[in-house]
Amino acid sequence: MVQVGHVCYEAGFKFKAHPNTYLVLCSINNEAELLAIEEYLGCHNIESHKFYEPDDDMGYTSLCSEPINGERRKLFRKYRLWKG
Protein backbone atom coordinates (compact mmCIF):
# COMPACT_ATOMS: atom_id res chain seq x y z
CA MET A 1 0.00 0.00 0.00
CA VAL A 2 2.92 2.36 0.65
CA GLN A 3 3.96 2.10 -3.01
CA VAL A 4 0.51 3.35 -4.05
CA GLY A 5 1.13 6.47 -2.00
CA HIS A 6 4.52 6.96 -3.64
CA VAL A 7 3.25 6.59 -7.19
CA CYS A 8 0.18 8.79 -6.66
CA TYR A 9 2.30 11.51 -5.10
CA GLU A 10 4.72 11.47 -8.04
CA ALA A 11 1.94 11.20 -10.65
CA GLY A 12 0.01 14.09 -9.13
CA PHE A 13 2.94 16.36 -9.90
CA LYS A 14 3.58 14.82 -13.31
CA PHE A 15 -0.03 15.14 -14.51
CA LYS A 16 -0.84 18.33 -12.58
CA ALA A 17 -3.91 16.60 -11.18
CA HIS A 18 -6.85 18.66 -9.99
CA PRO A 19 -7.22 18.61 -6.18
CA ASN A 20 -10.64 16.92 -6.51
CA THR A 21 -9.29 13.94 -8.46
CA TYR A 22 -10.48 10.58 -7.10
CA LEU A 23 -8.33 7.52 -6.53
CA VAL A 24 -9.56 4.14 -7.75
CA LEU A 25 -7.29 1.33 -6.61
CA CYS A 26 -7.04 -1.87 -8.64
CA SER A 27 -5.04 -4.94 -7.78
CA ILE A 28 -2.60 -6.98 -9.86
CA ASN A 29 -0.59 -10.13 -9.27
CA ASN A 30 2.99 -9.20 -10.20
CA GLU A 31 5.41 -6.84 -11.94
CA ALA A 32 4.91 -8.49 -15.33
CA GLU A 33 1.18 -7.76 -15.14
CA LEU A 34 1.92 -4.16 -14.13
CA LEU A 35 4.18 -3.70 -17.17
CA ALA A 36 1.52 -5.23 -19.44
CA ILE A 37 -1.04 -2.75 -18.10
CA GLU A 38 1.39 0.10 -18.75
CA GLU A 39 1.68 -1.05 -22.37
CA TYR A 40 -2.12 -1.43 -22.68
CA LEU A 41 -2.63 2.11 -21.42
CA GLY A 42 0.01 3.43 -23.81
CA CYS A 43 -1.74 1.74 -26.74
CA HIS A 44 -4.85 3.71 -25.77
CA ASN A 45 -2.95 7.00 -25.46
CA ILE A 46 -3.24 7.11 -21.67
CA GLU A 47 -0.17 8.39 -19.89
CA SER A 48 0.99 6.59 -16.78
CA HIS A 49 3.71 6.72 -14.18
CA LYS A 50 5.18 3.70 -12.41
CA PHE A 51 7.04 3.54 -9.11
CA TYR A 52 10.26 1.57 -8.68
CA GLU A 53 10.85 0.23 -5.16
CA PRO A 54 14.60 -0.25 -4.69
CA ASP A 55 14.32 -1.91 -1.26
CA ASP A 56 14.82 -5.68 -1.36
CA ASP A 57 15.05 -5.47 -5.18
CA MET A 58 11.24 -5.31 -5.40
CA GLY A 59 11.23 -3.55 -8.79
CA TYR A 60 8.15 -1.81 -10.15
CA THR A 61 5.39 -2.09 -7.57
CA SER A 62 2.68 0.36 -8.60
CA LEU A 63 1.35 2.31 -11.55
CA CYS A 64 -0.82 5.42 -11.75
CA SER A 65 -2.59 6.69 -14.85
CA GLU A 66 -3.24 10.28 -15.74
CA PRO A 67 -6.68 11.44 -14.51
CA ILE A 68 -9.36 9.63 -16.54
CA ASN A 69 -12.93 10.68 -17.25
CA GLY A 70 -15.78 10.02 -19.66
CA GLU A 71 -15.64 7.14 -22.11
CA ARG A 72 -11.99 6.39 -21.37
CA ARG A 73 -13.02 4.98 -17.96
CA LYS A 74 -14.36 1.91 -19.78
CA LEU A 75 -10.78 0.83 -20.52
CA PHE A 76 -10.35 0.02 -16.82
CA ARG A 77 -13.43 -2.19 -16.40
CA LYS A 78 -11.49 -5.41 -16.86
CA TYR A 79 -9.34 -4.77 -13.76
CA ARG A 80 -10.52 -5.88 -10.34
CA LEU A 81 -10.83 -3.35 -7.54
CA TRP A 82 -8.54 -3.80 -4.57
CA LYS A 83 -10.20 -5.18 -1.46
CA GLY A 84 -8.37 -4.72 1.81
PDB file of N, CA and C in Angstrom:
ATOM      1  N   MET A   1       0.822  -1.192   0.000  1.00  0.00           N
ATOM      2  CA  MET A   1       0.000   0.000   0.000  1.00  0.00           C
ATOM      3  C   MET A   1       0.866   1.257   0.000  1.00  0.00           C
ATOM      4  N   VAL A   2       2.032   1.194   0.612  1.00  0.00           N
ATOM      5  CA  VAL A   2       2.920   2.356   0.651  1.00  0.00           C
ATOM      6  C   VAL A   2       3.319   2.760  -0.765  1.00  0.00           C
ATOM      7  N   GLN A   3       3.561   1.788  -1.641  1.00  0.00           N
ATOM      8  CA  GLN A   3       3.965   2.097  -3.009  1.00  0.00           C
ATOM      9  C   GLN A   3       2.870   2.879  -3.742  1.00  0.00           C
ATOM     10  N   VAL A   4       1.616   2.603  -3.439  1.00  0.00           N
ATOM     11  CA  VAL A   4       0.509   3.351  -4.051  1.00  0.00           C
ATOM     12  C   VAL A   4       0.628   4.822  -3.676  1.00  0.00           C
ATOM     13  N   GLY A   5       0.938   5.088  -2.423  1.00  0.00           N
ATOM     14  CA  GLY A   5       1.130   6.470  -2.001  1.00  0.00           C
ATOM     15  C   GLY A   5       2.268   7.137  -2.748  1.00  0.00           C
ATOM     16  N   HIS A   6       3.374   6.419  -2.902  1.00  0.00           N
ATOM     17  CA  HIS A   6       4.522   6.964  -3.637  1.00  0.00           C
ATOM     18  C   HIS A   6       4.155   7.308  -5.077  1.00  0.00           C
ATOM     19  N   VAL A   7       3.532   6.370  -5.776  1.00  0.00           N
ATOM     20  CA  VAL A   7       3.254   6.588  -7.191  1.00  0.00           C
ATOM     21  C   VAL A   7       2.198   7.682  -7.385  1.00  0.00           C
ATOM     22  N   CYS A   8       1.199   7.746  -6.522  1.00  0.00           N
ATOM     23  CA  CYS A   8       0.175   8.789  -6.655  1.00  0.00           C
ATOM     24  C   CYS A   8       0.762  10.168  -6.376  1.00  0.00           C
ATOM     25  N   TYR A   9       1.635  10.250  -5.404  1.00  0.00           N
ATOM     26  CA  TYR A   9       2.302  11.514  -5.098  1.00  0.00           C
ATOM     27  C   TYR A   9       3.099  12.004  -6.313  1.00  0.00           C
ATOM     28  N   GLU A  10       3.910  11.109  -6.881  1.00  0.00           N
ATOM     29  CA  GLU A  10       4.720  11.474  -8.042  1.00  0.00           C
ATOM     30  C   GLU A  10       3.841  11.802  -9.255  1.00  0.00           C
ATOM     31  N   ALA A  11       2.810  10.991  -9.486  1.00  0.00           N
ATOM     32  CA  ALA A  11       1.940  11.197 -10.652  1.00  0.00           C
ATOM     33  C   ALA A  11       1.136  12.486 -10.520  1.00  0.00           C
ATOM     34  N   GLY A  12       0.748  12.841  -9.317  1.00  0.00           N
ATOM     35  CA  GLY A  12       0.010  14.095  -9.128  1.00  0.00           C
ATOM     36  C   GLY A  12       0.791  15.291  -9.639  1.00  0.00           C
ATOM     37  N   PHE A  13       2.087  15.291  -9.372  1.00  0.00           N
ATOM     38  CA  PHE A  13       2.942  16.360  -9.897  1.00  0.00           C
ATOM     39  C   PHE A  13       3.097  16.240 -11.409  1.00  0.00           C
ATOM     40  N   LYS A  14       3.335  15.034 -11.882  1.00  0.00           N
ATOM     41  CA  LYS A  14       3.577  14.824 -13.313  1.00  0.00           C
ATOM     42  C   LYS A  14       2.384  15.247 -14.158  1.00  0.00           C
ATOM     43  N   PHE A  15       1.178  14.874 -13.723  1.00  0.00           N
ATOM     44  CA  PHE A  15      -0.033  15.136 -14.514  1.00  0.00           C
ATOM     45  C   PHE A  15      -0.752  16.417 -14.094  1.00  0.00           C
ATOM     46  N   LYS A  16      -0.209  17.103 -13.080  1.00  0.00           N
ATOM     47  CA  LYS A  16      -0.837  18.332 -12.584  1.00  0.00           C
ATOM     48  C   LYS A  16      -2.315  18.082 -12.269  1.00  0.00           C
ATOM     49  N   ALA A  17      -2.553  17.040 -11.492  1.00  0.00           N
ATOM     50  CA  ALA A  17      -3.911  16.605 -11.177  1.00  0.00           C
ATOM     51  C   ALA A  17      -4.673  17.668 -10.397  1.00  0.00           C
ATOM     52  N   HIS A  18      -5.942  17.773 -10.692  1.00  0.00           N
ATOM     53  CA  HIS A  18      -6.852  18.665  -9.989  1.00  0.00           C
ATOM     54  C   HIS A  18      -7.008  18.165  -8.550  1.00  0.00           C
ATOM     55  N   PRO A  19      -7.106  19.055  -7.578  1.00  0.00           N
ATOM     56  CA  PRO A  19      -7.215  18.612  -6.182  1.00  0.00           C
ATOM     57  C   PRO A  19      -8.416  17.701  -5.897  1.00  0.00           C
ATOM     58  N   ASN A  20      -9.452  17.749  -6.724  1.00  0.00           N
ATOM     59  CA  ASN A  20     -10.644  16.921  -6.506  1.00  0.00           C
ATOM     60  C   ASN A  20     -10.607  15.616  -7.297  1.00  0.00           C
ATOM     61  N   THR A  21      -9.436  15.199  -7.733  1.00  0.00           N
ATOM     62  CA  THR A  21      -9.285  13.943  -8.462  1.00  0.00           C
ATOM     63  C   THR A  21      -9.479  12.777  -7.497  1.00  0.00           C
ATOM     64  N   TYR A  22     -10.223  11.762  -7.920  1.00  0.00           N
ATOM     65  CA  TYR A  22     -10.480  10.582  -7.101  1.00  0.00           C
ATOM     66  C   TYR A  22      -9.449   9.499  -7.381  1.00  0.00           C
ATOM     67  N   LEU A  23      -9.217   8.663  -6.392  1.00  0.00           N
ATOM     68  CA  LEU A  23      -8.326   7.519  -6.527  1.00  0.00           C
ATOM     69  C   LEU A  23      -9.163   6.250  -6.594  1.00  0.00           C
ATOM     70  N   VAL A  24      -8.944   5.453  -7.631  1.00  0.00           N
ATOM     71  CA  VAL A  24      -9.562   4.137  -7.752  1.00  0.00           C
ATOM     72  C   VAL A  24      -8.413   3.146  -7.750  1.00  0.00           C
ATOM     73  N   LEU A  25      -8.416   2.248  -6.805  1.00  0.00           N
ATOM     74  CA  LEU A  25      -7.294   1.330  -6.606  1.00  0.00           C
ATOM     75  C   LEU A  25      -7.649  -0.058  -7.128  1.00  0.00           C
ATOM     76  N   CYS A  26      -6.856  -0.534  -8.081  1.00  0.00           N
ATOM     77  CA  CYS A  26      -7.040  -1.872  -8.639  1.00  0.00           C
ATOM     78  C   CYS A  26      -5.880  -2.748  -8.187  1.00  0.00           C
ATOM     79  N   SER A  27      -6.096  -4.044  -8.223  1.00  0.00           N
ATOM     80  CA  SER A  27      -5.035  -4.943  -7.779  1.00  0.00           C
ATOM     81  C   SER A  27      -4.531  -5.794  -8.939  1.00  0.00           C
ATOM     82  N   ILE A  28      -3.240  -6.118  -8.859  1.00  0.00           N
ATOM     83  CA  ILE A  28      -2.604  -6.979  -9.856  1.00  0.00           C
ATOM     84  C   ILE A  28      -1.811  -8.048  -9.128  1.00  0.00           C
ATOM     85  N   ASN A  29      -1.281  -9.001  -9.882  1.00  0.00           N
ATOM     86  CA  ASN A  29      -0.585 -10.127  -9.271  1.00  0.00           C
ATOM     87  C   ASN A  29       0.930  -9.975  -9.191  1.00  0.00           C
ATOM     88  N   ASN A  30       1.529  -9.253 -10.168  1.00  0.00           N
ATOM     89  CA  ASN A  30       2.993  -9.202 -10.195  1.00  0.00           C
ATOM     90  C   ASN A  30       3.484  -8.077 -11.111  1.00  0.00           C
ATOM     91  N   GLU A  31       4.802  -7.912 -11.140  1.00  0.00           N
ATOM     92  CA  GLU A  31       5.410  -6.844 -11.936  1.00  0.00           C
ATOM     93  C   GLU A  31       5.148  -7.024 -13.430  1.00  0.00           C
ATOM     94  N   ALA A  32       5.159  -8.248 -13.905  1.00  0.00           N
ATOM     95  CA  ALA A  32       4.906  -8.493 -15.331  1.00  0.00           C
ATOM     96  C   ALA A  32       3.513  -7.997 -15.724  1.00  0.00           C
ATOM     97  N   GLU A  33       2.537  -8.235 -14.869  1.00  0.00           N
ATOM     98  CA  GLU A  33       1.178  -7.756 -15.143  1.00  0.00           C
ATOM     99  C   GLU A  33       1.136  -6.227 -15.118  1.00  0.00           C
ATOM    100  N   LEU A  34       1.857  -5.614 -14.200  1.00  0.00           N
ATOM    101  CA  LEU A  34       1.923  -4.161 -14.127  1.00  0.00           C
ATOM    102  C   LEU A  34       2.492  -3.585 -15.426  1.00  0.00           C
ATOM    103  N   LEU A  35       3.559  -4.184 -15.929  1.00  0.00           N
ATOM    104  CA  LEU A  35       4.177  -3.699 -17.168  1.00  0.00           C
ATOM    105  C   LEU A  35       3.258  -3.911 -18.369  1.00  0.00           C
ATOM    106  N   ALA A  36       2.483  -4.991 -18.363  1.00  0.00           N
ATOM    107  CA  ALA A  36       1.517  -5.229 -19.443  1.00  0.00           C
ATOM    108  C   ALA A  36       0.410  -4.179 -19.414  1.00  0.00           C
ATOM    109  N   ILE A  37      -0.020  -3.792 -18.230  1.00  0.00           N
ATOM    110  CA  ILE A  37      -1.037  -2.748 -18.104  1.00  0.00           C
ATOM    111  C   ILE A  37      -0.487  -1.415 -18.589  1.00  0.00           C
ATOM    112  N   GLU A  38       0.755  -1.131 -18.255  1.00  0.00           N
ATOM    113  CA  GLU A  38       1.387   0.096 -18.746  1.00  0.00           C
ATOM    114  C   GLU A  38       1.373   0.129 -20.276  1.00  0.00           C
ATOM    115  N   GLU A  39       1.691  -0.974 -20.899  1.00  0.00           N
ATOM    116  CA  GLU A  39       1.676  -1.054 -22.366  1.00  0.00           C
ATOM    117  C   GLU A  39       0.258  -0.883 -22.914  1.00  0.00           C
ATOM    118  N   TYR A  40      -0.708  -1.545 -22.279  1.00  0.00           N
ATOM    119  CA  TYR A  40      -2.118  -1.433 -22.677  1.00  0.00           C
ATOM    120  C   TYR A  40      -2.576   0.021 -22.625  1.00  0.00           C
ATOM    121  N   LEU A  41      -2.242   0.708 -21.542  1.00  0.00           N
ATOM    122  CA  LEU A  41      -2.628   2.113 -21.424  1.00  0.00           C
ATOM    123  C   LEU A  41      -1.972   2.948 -22.513  1.00  0.00           C
ATOM    124  N   GLY A  42      -0.703   2.698 -22.763  1.00  0.00           N
ATOM    125  CA  GLY A  42       0.007   3.427 -23.814  1.00  0.00           C
ATOM    126  C   GLY A  42      -0.623   3.230 -25.185  1.00  0.00           C
ATOM    127  N   CYS A  43      -1.080   2.020 -25.460  1.00  0.00           N
ATOM    128  CA  CYS A  43      -1.744   1.736 -26.740  1.00  0.00           C
ATOM    129  C   CYS A  43      -3.050   2.506 -26.886  1.00  0.00           C
ATOM    130  N   HIS A  44      -3.614   2.934 -25.759  1.00  0.00           N
ATOM    131  CA  HIS A  44      -4.854   3.712 -25.769  1.00  0.00           C
ATOM    132  C   HIS A  44      -4.600   5.190 -25.456  1.00  0.00           C
ATOM    133  N   ASN A  45      -3.349   5.603 -25.641  1.00  0.00           N
ATOM    134  CA  ASN A  45      -2.951   7.003 -25.457  1.00  0.00           C
ATOM    135  C   ASN A  45      -3.262   7.542 -24.069  1.00  0.00           C
ATOM    136  N   ILE A  46      -3.079   6.691 -23.064  1.00  0.00           N
ATOM    137  CA  ILE A  46      -3.240   7.107 -21.673  1.00  0.00           C
ATOM    138  C   ILE A  46      -1.854   7.120 -21.045  1.00  0.00           C
ATOM    139  N   GLU A  47      -1.464   8.281 -20.547  1.00  0.00           N
ATOM    140  CA  GLU A  47      -0.168   8.391 -19.890  1.00  0.00           C
ATOM    141  C   GLU A  47      -0.222   7.721 -18.526  1.00  0.00           C
ATOM    142  N   SER A  48       0.916   7.198 -18.108  1.00  0.00           N
ATOM    143  CA  SER A  48       0.992   6.585 -16.783  1.00  0.00           C
ATOM    144  C   SER A  48       2.364   6.850 -16.184  1.00  0.00           C
ATOM    145  N   HIS A  49       2.444   6.557 -14.907  1.00  0.00           N
ATOM    146  CA  HIS A  49       3.706   6.715 -14.183  1.00  0.00           C
ATOM    147  C   HIS A  49       3.834   5.517 -13.258  1.00  0.00           C
ATOM    148  N   LYS A  50       4.988   4.856 -13.289  1.00  0.00           N
ATOM    149  CA  LYS A  50       5.181   3.700 -12.414  1.00  0.00           C
ATOM    150  C   LYS A  50       6.227   4.023 -11.359  1.00  0.00           C
ATOM    151  N   PHE A  51       6.124   3.327 -10.229  1.00  0.00           N
ATOM    152  CA  PHE A  51       7.037   3.540  -9.115  1.00  0.00           C
ATOM    153  C   PHE A  51       7.952   2.343  -8.965  1.00  0.00           C
ATOM    154  N   TYR A  52       9.254   2.618  -8.865  1.00  0.00           N
ATOM    155  CA  TYR A  52      10.256   1.574  -8.679  1.00  0.00           C
ATOM    156  C   TYR A  52      10.666   1.550  -7.216  1.00  0.00           C
ATOM    157  N   GLU A  53      10.472   0.407  -6.560  1.00  0.00           N
ATOM    158  CA  GLU A  53      10.854   0.232  -5.157  1.00  0.00           C
ATOM    159  C   GLU A  53      12.218  -0.438  -5.101  1.00  0.00           C
ATOM    160  N   PRO A  54      13.252   0.323  -4.712  1.00  0.00           N
ATOM    161  CA  PRO A  54      14.601  -0.255  -4.693  1.00  0.00           C
ATOM    162  C   PRO A  54      14.855  -1.209  -3.516  1.00  0.00           C
ATOM    163  N   ASP A  55      14.104  -1.050  -2.433  1.00  0.00           N
ATOM    164  CA  ASP A  55      14.317  -1.911  -1.261  1.00  0.00           C
ATOM    165  C   ASP A  55      14.053  -3.372  -1.598  1.00  0.00           C
ATOM    166  N   ASP A  56      14.945  -4.230  -1.161  1.00  0.00           N
ATOM    167  CA  ASP A  56      14.821  -5.684  -1.361  1.00  0.00           C
ATOM    168  C   ASP A  56      14.646  -6.068  -2.833  1.00  0.00           C
ATOM    169  N   ASP A  57      15.129  -5.202  -3.742  1.00  0.00           N
ATOM    170  CA  ASP A  57      15.052  -5.475  -5.181  1.00  0.00           C
ATOM    171  C   ASP A  57      13.622  -5.806  -5.622  1.00  0.00           C
ATOM    172  N   MET A  58      12.647  -5.052  -5.094  1.00  0.00           N
ATOM    173  CA  MET A  58      11.236  -5.310  -5.404  1.00  0.00           C
ATOM    174  C   MET A  58      10.867  -4.940  -6.844  1.00  0.00           C
ATOM    175  N   GLY A  59      11.538  -3.962  -7.418  1.00  0.00           N
ATOM    176  CA  GLY A  59      11.233  -3.554  -8.786  1.00  0.00           C
ATOM    177  C   GLY A  59      10.034  -2.631  -8.848  1.00  0.00           C
ATOM    178  N   TYR A  60       9.333  -2.655  -9.975  1.00  0.00           N
ATOM    179  CA  TYR A  60       8.150  -1.812 -10.152  1.00  0.00           C
ATOM    180  C   TYR A  60       7.003  -2.411  -9.354  1.00  0.00           C
ATOM    181  N   THR A  61       6.414  -1.581  -8.483  1.00  0.00           N
ATOM    182  CA  THR A  61       5.393  -2.086  -7.568  1.00  0.00           C
ATOM    183  C   THR A  61       4.035  -1.433  -7.738  1.00  0.00           C
ATOM    184  N   SER A  62       3.970  -0.313  -8.438  1.00  0.00           N
ATOM    185  CA  SER A  62       2.683   0.363  -8.605  1.00  0.00           C
ATOM    186  C   SER A  62       2.712   1.259  -9.836  1.00  0.00           C
ATOM    187  N   LEU A  63       1.516   1.547 -10.315  1.00  0.00           N
ATOM    188  CA  LEU A  63       1.345   2.315 -11.545  1.00  0.00           C
ATOM    189  C   LEU A  63       0.156   3.235 -11.359  1.00  0.00           C
ATOM    190  N   CYS A  64       0.267   4.450 -11.838  1.00  0.00           N
ATOM    191  CA  CYS A  64      -0.821   5.420 -11.751  1.00  0.00           C
ATOM    192  C   CYS A  64      -1.039   6.013 -13.134  1.00  0.00           C
ATOM    193  N   SER A  65      -2.286   6.068 -13.560  1.00  0.00           N
ATOM    194  CA  SER A  65      -2.586   6.689 -14.853  1.00  0.00           C
ATOM    195  C   SER A  65      -2.817   8.181 -14.659  1.00  0.00           C
ATOM    196  N   GLU A  66      -2.804   8.885 -15.772  1.00  0.00           N
ATOM    197  CA  GLU A  66      -3.238  10.275 -15.737  1.00  0.00           C
ATOM    198  C   GLU A  66      -4.710  10.274 -15.309  1.00  0.00           C
ATOM    199  N   PRO A  67      -5.248  11.402 -14.848  1.00  0.00           N
ATOM    200  CA  PRO A  67      -6.676  11.437 -14.514  1.00  0.00           C
ATOM    201  C   PRO A  67      -7.530  11.044 -15.723  1.00  0.00           C
ATOM    202  N   ILE A  68      -8.503  10.185 -15.475  1.00  0.00           N
ATOM    203  CA  ILE A  68      -9.359   9.634 -16.538  1.00  0.00           C
ATOM    204  C   ILE A  68     -10.799  10.045 -16.292  1.00  0.00           C
ATOM    205  N   ASN A  69     -11.508  10.394 -17.373  1.00  0.00           N
ATOM    206  CA  ASN A  69     -12.934  10.675 -17.251  1.00  0.00           C
ATOM    207  C   ASN A  69     -13.650  10.263 -18.527  1.00  0.00           C
ATOM    208  N   GLY A  70     -14.959  10.320 -18.481  1.00  0.00           N
ATOM    209  CA  GLY A  70     -15.776  10.015 -19.656  1.00  0.00           C
ATOM    210  C   GLY A  70     -15.620   8.591 -20.158  1.00  0.00           C
ATOM    211  N   GLU A  71     -15.677   8.453 -21.451  1.00  0.00           N
ATOM    212  CA  GLU A  71     -15.638   7.142 -22.113  1.00  0.00           C
ATOM    213  C   GLU A  71     -14.353   6.365 -21.839  1.00  0.00           C
ATOM    214  N   ARG A  72     -13.279   7.062 -21.593  1.00  0.00           N
ATOM    215  CA  ARG A  72     -11.994   6.388 -21.367  1.00  0.00           C
ATOM    216  C   ARG A  72     -12.004   5.525 -20.101  1.00  0.00           C
ATOM    217  N   ARG A  73     -12.928   5.789 -19.185  1.00  0.00           N
ATOM    218  CA  ARG A  73     -13.020   4.979 -17.964  1.00  0.00           C
ATOM    219  C   ARG A  73     -13.331   3.522 -18.285  1.00  0.00           C
ATOM    220  N   LYS A  74     -14.003   3.279 -19.392  1.00  0.00           N
ATOM    221  CA  LYS A  74     -14.364   1.910 -19.782  1.00  0.00           C
ATOM    222  C   LYS A  74     -13.136   1.020 -19.976  1.00  0.00           C
ATOM    223  N   LEU A  75     -12.005   1.609 -20.301  1.00  0.00           N
ATOM    224  CA  LEU A  75     -10.779   0.831 -20.517  1.00  0.00           C
ATOM    225  C   LEU A  75     -10.299   0.138 -19.244  1.00  0.00           C
ATOM    226  N   PHE A  76     -10.793   0.568 -18.098  1.00  0.00           N
ATOM    227  CA  PHE A  76     -10.350   0.017 -16.816  1.00  0.00           C
ATOM    228  C   PHE A  76     -11.315  -1.030 -16.256  1.00  0.00           C
ATOM    229  N   ARG A  77     -12.414  -1.265 -16.916  1.00  0.00           N
ATOM    230  CA  ARG A  77     -13.428  -2.194 -16.404  1.00  0.00           C
ATOM    231  C   ARG A  77     -12.916  -3.610 -16.182  1.00  0.00           C
ATOM    232  N   LYS A  78     -11.949  -4.027 -16.959  1.00  0.00           N
ATOM    233  CA  LYS A  78     -11.485  -5.411 -16.855  1.00  0.00           C
ATOM    234  C   LYS A  78     -10.597  -5.661 -15.634  1.00  0.00           C
ATOM    235  N   TYR A  79     -10.206  -4.611 -14.920  1.00  0.00           N
ATOM    236  CA  TYR A  79      -9.341  -4.769 -13.757  1.00  0.00           C
ATOM    237  C   TYR A  79     -10.171  -4.845 -12.486  1.00  0.00           C
ATOM    238  N   ARG A  80      -9.768  -5.714 -11.576  1.00  0.00           N
ATOM    239  CA  ARG A  80     -10.523  -5.880 -10.339  1.00  0.00           C
ATOM    240  C   ARG A  80     -10.113  -4.820  -9.326  1.00  0.00           C
ATOM    241  N   LEU A  81     -11.105  -4.341  -8.582  1.00  0.00           N
ATOM    242  CA  LEU A  81     -10.835  -3.354  -7.538  1.00  0.00           C
ATOM    243  C   LEU A  81     -10.122  -4.031  -6.378  1.00  0.00           C
ATOM    244  N   TRP A  82      -9.260  -3.281  -5.726  1.00  0.00           N
ATOM    245  CA  TRP A  82      -8.540  -3.797  -4.565  1.00  0.00           C
ATOM    246  C   TRP A  82      -9.495  -3.893  -3.396  1.00  0.00           C
ATOM    247  N   LYS A  83      -9.397  -4.978  -2.676  1.00  0.00           N
ATOM    248  CA  LYS A  83     -10.198  -5.177  -1.464  1.00  0.00           C
ATOM    249  C   LYS A  83      -9.251  -5.469  -0.319  1.00  0.00           C
ATOM    250  N   GLY A  84      -9.283  -4.615   0.688  1.00  0.00           N
ATOM    251  CA  GLY A  84      -8.368  -4.716   1.806  1.00  0.00           C
ATOM    252  C   GLY A  84      -8.754  -5.728   2.853  1.00  0.00           C
TER     253      GLY A  84
END
